[in-house]
Amino acid sequence: MAVVERDGTHDPATGRVLTGSWLWDSSLVLASHLADDDSARLRLQGATVLELGAGGTGLPGIAAVVCLGAARCVLTDVRALLPGLRANAEANGLTAAQADVRELRWGDQLEHQLRVDVVLMSDVFYDPVGMPAMAATLRGLRRDGAGGGTVGWAASEVRDSVQDCMDVLREHGFEVAEVDRVTRPLLRDPDQTAAFAVYRVSLRQQEGS
């Protein structure tokens, strides 16, 4: 797969560099887990996949279509990162129908008629303060179905704030379970290693439902 990084992408409101425009380790960890997990591969077959906080590369979402049998991906992030997502989709031969790039901020919703089967997230668990807004967006993406409805997979470097983020999601009605953990050299500092975890995220079933 081709990866296009766009250095120097800035937030137009604050002027700060948006590090989401780079390829980060968690994206690789998540894509690798999806390829190796039989249940994930089964869920991806013919699926509509939404990547939340896809950054500038959208690697997991694009890989789901190019390599793992998904029908289409919807790649979402803040407006400044969307050109990078389009560039990566095009570099991997995806049409606009196969890779739909959209602005989506946590707390906002996509149109109701968009059915999302699988949600992918990498390196989005870093600030517990932002988790209620993320939970609201995830809840809006939920669709019931014969296959068990919408399910999500997320990967993150293991750090103290991740558990705090998980606790907030659980308080908002989500089941979060760690399903994999790996230690690997860091992309931007290969002499250093870090632990990364993959989580399965789903909306808790209400009693009587």
Protein backbone atom coordinates (compact mmCIF):
# COMPACT_ATOMS: atom_id res chain seq x y z
CA MET A 1 0.00 0.00 0.00
CA ALA A 2 1.06 3.56 -0.70
CA VAL A 3 1.22 6.11 2.13
CA VAL A 4 1.32 9.86 1.47
CA GLU A 5 2.34 12.09 4.39
CA ARG A 6 1.77 15.83 4.15
CA ASP A 7 4.21 17.62 6.45
CA GLY A 8 3.36 21.12 7.53
CA THR A 9 -0.43 20.77 7.71
CA HIS A 10 -1.66 23.41 10.16
CA ASP A 11 -4.87 24.14 12.00
CA PRO A 12 -6.10 27.33 10.30
CA ALA A 13 -7.66 28.58 13.54
CA THR A 14 -4.64 28.13 15.83
CA GLY A 15 -1.70 27.81 13.45
CA ARG A 16 -0.44 24.71 15.24
CA VAL A 17 0.92 21.75 13.28
CA LEU A 18 -1.59 18.92 12.95
CA THR A 19 0.41 15.79 13.73
CA GLY A 20 -2.54 13.73 12.53
CA SER A 21 -1.26 14.33 9.00
CA TRP A 22 1.54 11.82 9.65
CA LEU A 23 1.43 8.03 9.71
CA TRP A 24 1.45 6.82 13.32
CA ASP A 25 2.24 3.41 14.76
CA SER A 26 -1.29 2.73 15.98
CA SER A 27 -2.58 2.80 12.41
CA LEU A 28 -0.19 0.02 11.45
CA VAL A 29 -1.03 -1.97 14.59
CA LEU A 30 -4.76 -1.71 13.87
CA ALA A 31 -4.45 -2.66 10.20
CA SER A 32 -2.26 -5.64 11.11
CA HIS A 33 -4.71 -6.83 13.75
CA LEU A 34 -7.64 -6.62 11.34
CA ALA A 35 -5.70 -8.70 8.82
CA ASP A 36 -4.86 -11.38 11.40
CA ASP A 37 -8.19 -11.58 13.27
CA ASP A 38 -10.63 -13.97 11.60
CA SER A 39 -13.70 -12.41 13.22
CA ALA A 40 -12.65 -8.93 12.11
CA ARG A 41 -11.99 -10.09 8.56
CA LEU A 42 -15.44 -11.69 8.46
CA ARG A 43 -17.12 -8.48 9.67
CA LEU A 44 -15.28 -6.46 7.03
CA GLN A 45 -16.50 -8.50 4.05
CA GLY A 46 -18.68 -6.19 1.96
CA ALA A 47 -18.90 -3.72 4.85
CA THR A 48 -19.12 0.04 4.97
CA VAL A 49 -16.26 1.10 7.23
CA LEU A 50 -16.00 4.49 8.89
CA GLU A 51 -12.65 5.63 10.24
CA LEU A 52 -13.11 8.18 13.00
CA GLY A 53 -10.19 10.58 13.35
CA ALA A 54 -8.52 9.15 10.25
CA GLY A 55 -5.78 11.77 10.27
CA GLY A 56 -4.02 12.52 7.02
CA THR A 57 -3.37 8.96 5.86
CA GLY A 58 -6.50 6.90 6.64
CA LEU A 59 -4.42 3.73 6.55
CA PRO A 60 -6.78 1.36 8.44
CA GLY A 61 -9.86 2.45 6.51
CA ILE A 62 -8.12 2.29 3.14
CA ALA A 63 -6.55 -1.08 3.97
CA ALA A 64 -9.99 -2.42 4.86
CA VAL A 65 -11.09 -1.81 1.26
CA VAL A 66 -7.85 -2.51 -0.62
CA CYS A 67 -6.80 -5.63 1.29
CA LEU A 68 -9.57 -6.92 3.55
CA GLY A 69 -12.77 -7.06 1.51
CA ALA A 70 -14.72 -4.01 2.70
CA ALA A 71 -16.95 -2.42 0.07
CA ARG A 72 -16.21 1.21 0.97
CA CYS A 73 -14.63 3.39 3.59
CA VAL A 74 -15.75 6.74 4.94
CA LEU A 75 -12.67 8.63 6.12
CA THR A 76 -13.39 11.43 8.59
CA ASP A 77 -11.44 14.10 10.42
CA VAL A 78 -11.15 17.89 10.68
CA ARG A 79 -11.27 19.88 7.44
CA ALA A 80 -7.53 20.65 7.26
CA LEU A 81 -6.67 16.93 7.08
CA LEU A 82 -9.11 15.99 4.32
CA PRO A 83 -6.76 16.74 1.37
CA GLY A 84 -4.28 14.23 2.79
CA LEU A 85 -6.99 11.59 3.08
CA ARG A 86 -8.04 12.15 -0.53
CA ALA A 87 -4.41 11.94 -1.67
CA ASN A 88 -3.95 8.60 0.11
CA ALA A 89 -7.18 7.17 -1.28
CA GLU A 90 -6.14 8.16 -4.81
CA ALA A 91 -2.60 6.81 -4.32
CA ASN A 92 -4.13 3.42 -3.55
CA GLY A 93 -6.41 3.43 -6.58
CA LEU A 94 -9.70 4.01 -4.76
CA THR A 95 -12.53 5.87 -6.43
CA ALA A 96 -14.66 8.48 -4.68
CA ALA A 97 -17.36 5.84 -4.30
CA GLN A 98 -14.93 3.49 -2.54
CA ALA A 99 -13.36 6.16 -0.30
CA ASP A 100 -15.74 8.88 0.85
CA VAL A 101 -13.80 11.67 2.61
CA ARG A 102 -15.82 13.85 4.98
CA GLU A 103 -15.36 16.39 7.74
CA LEU A 104 -16.60 15.07 11.08
CA ARG A 105 -15.84 16.57 14.46
CA TRP A 106 -16.50 14.62 17.63
CA GLY A 107 -19.98 15.38 18.88
CA ASP A 108 -21.34 15.87 15.35
CA GLN A 109 -23.37 13.32 13.40
CA LEU A 110 -23.41 12.07 9.83
CA GLU A 111 -26.69 11.81 7.97
CA HIS A 112 -29.01 9.16 9.35
CA GLN A 113 -29.28 7.18 6.11
CA LEU A 114 -25.57 6.28 6.08
CA ARG A 115 -25.30 2.73 7.39
CA VAL A 116 -21.97 2.03 9.08
CA ASP A 117 -21.05 -1.59 9.75
CA VAL A 118 -17.57 -1.14 11.26
CA VAL A 119 -15.91 1.84 12.96
CA LEU A 120 -12.10 2.06 13.07
CA MET A 121 -10.07 4.36 15.32
CA SER A 122 -6.34 4.73 15.92
CA ASP A 123 -4.61 7.01 18.42
CA VAL A 124 -7.83 8.76 19.42
CA PHE A 125 -7.66 7.90 23.14
CA TYR A 126 -5.50 10.66 24.61
CA ASP A 127 -7.81 13.20 26.27
CA PRO A 128 -10.65 12.04 28.56
CA VAL A 129 -12.27 15.48 28.26
CA GLY A 130 -13.04 14.79 24.60
CA MET A 131 -14.54 11.36 25.18
CA PRO A 132 -18.18 12.39 25.83
CA ALA A 133 -18.25 14.07 22.41
CA MET A 134 -16.70 11.01 20.79
CA ALA A 135 -19.24 8.80 22.55
CA ALA A 136 -22.07 10.92 21.14
CA THR A 137 -20.72 10.51 17.61
CA LEU A 138 -20.22 6.77 18.07
CA ARG A 139 -23.73 6.37 19.42
CA GLY A 140 -25.10 8.15 16.35
CA LEU A 141 -23.27 5.70 14.08
CA ARG A 142 -24.80 2.69 15.79
CA ARG A 143 -27.00 0.55 13.57
CA ASP A 144 -28.74 -2.65 14.64
CA GLY A 145 -28.60 -5.62 12.33
CA ALA A 146 -28.73 -9.38 12.01
CA GLY A 147 -24.94 -9.56 12.34
CA GLY A 148 -24.98 -7.82 15.71
CA GLY A 149 -25.01 -4.22 14.57
CA THR A 150 -22.14 -1.77 14.31
CA VAL A 151 -18.88 -2.76 15.97
CA GLY A 152 -15.62 -0.88 16.36
CA TRP A 153 -11.93 -1.64 16.67
CA ALA A 154 -9.42 0.85 18.03
CA ALA A 155 -5.65 0.84 18.54
CA SER A 156 -3.63 3.07 20.82
CA GLU A 157 -0.21 3.31 22.38
CA VAL A 158 -0.53 2.12 25.97
CA ARG A 159 -0.38 5.17 28.23
CA ASP A 160 -2.08 6.25 31.46
CA SER A 161 -4.66 8.48 29.78
CA VAL A 162 -5.98 5.61 27.64
CA GLN A 163 -7.58 3.87 30.60
CA ASP A 164 -9.20 7.15 31.66
CA CYS A 165 -10.66 7.48 28.16
CA MET A 166 -11.98 3.92 28.27
CA ASP A 167 -13.66 4.60 31.61
CA VAL A 168 -15.51 7.57 30.10
CA LEU A 169 -16.72 5.48 27.15
CA ARG A 170 -17.96 2.81 29.54
CA GLU A 171 -19.82 5.47 31.53
CA HIS A 172 -21.56 6.43 28.27
CA GLY A 173 -22.81 2.91 27.62
CA PHE A 174 -20.02 1.27 25.64
CA GLU A 175 -18.34 -2.08 26.12
CA VAL A 176 -14.58 -1.79 25.65
CA ALA A 177 -12.40 -4.90 25.70
CA GLU A 178 -8.69 -5.23 25.00
CA VAL A 179 -8.22 -7.95 22.37
CA ASP A 180 -4.55 -7.67 21.45
CA ARG A 181 -1.29 -6.14 22.67
CA VAL A 182 2.05 -5.84 20.89
CA THR A 183 5.39 -4.16 21.50
CA ARG A 184 7.14 -2.71 18.47
CA PRO A 185 9.83 -0.19 17.48
CA LEU A 186 8.50 3.31 16.95
CA LEU A 187 8.23 4.54 13.37
CA ARG A 188 9.81 7.89 14.17
CA ASP A 189 12.40 6.56 16.61
CA PRO A 190 13.26 2.93 15.74
CA ASP A 191 15.71 2.67 18.64
CA GLN A 192 12.77 2.99 21.03
CA THR A 193 9.92 0.52 21.54
CA ALA A 194 6.42 1.00 22.91
CA ALA A 195 3.42 -1.17 23.75
CA PHE A 196 0.25 -0.85 21.70
CA ALA A 197 -3.18 -2.30 22.46
CA VAL A 198 -6.16 -3.07 20.24
CA TYR A 199 -9.67 -2.74 21.66
CA ARG A 200 -13.08 -3.92 20.52
CA VAL A 201 -15.74 -1.26 21.12
CA SER A 202 -19.49 -1.82 20.99
CA LEU A 203 -22.59 -0.19 22.42
CA ARG A 204 -23.80 -2.04 25.50
CA GLN A 205 -27.08 -3.86 24.97
CA GLN A 206 -29.90 -2.48 27.07
CA GLU A 207 -31.82 -4.86 29.29
CA GLY A 208 -34.86 -6.19 27.51
CA SER A 209 -33.53 -5.23 24.06
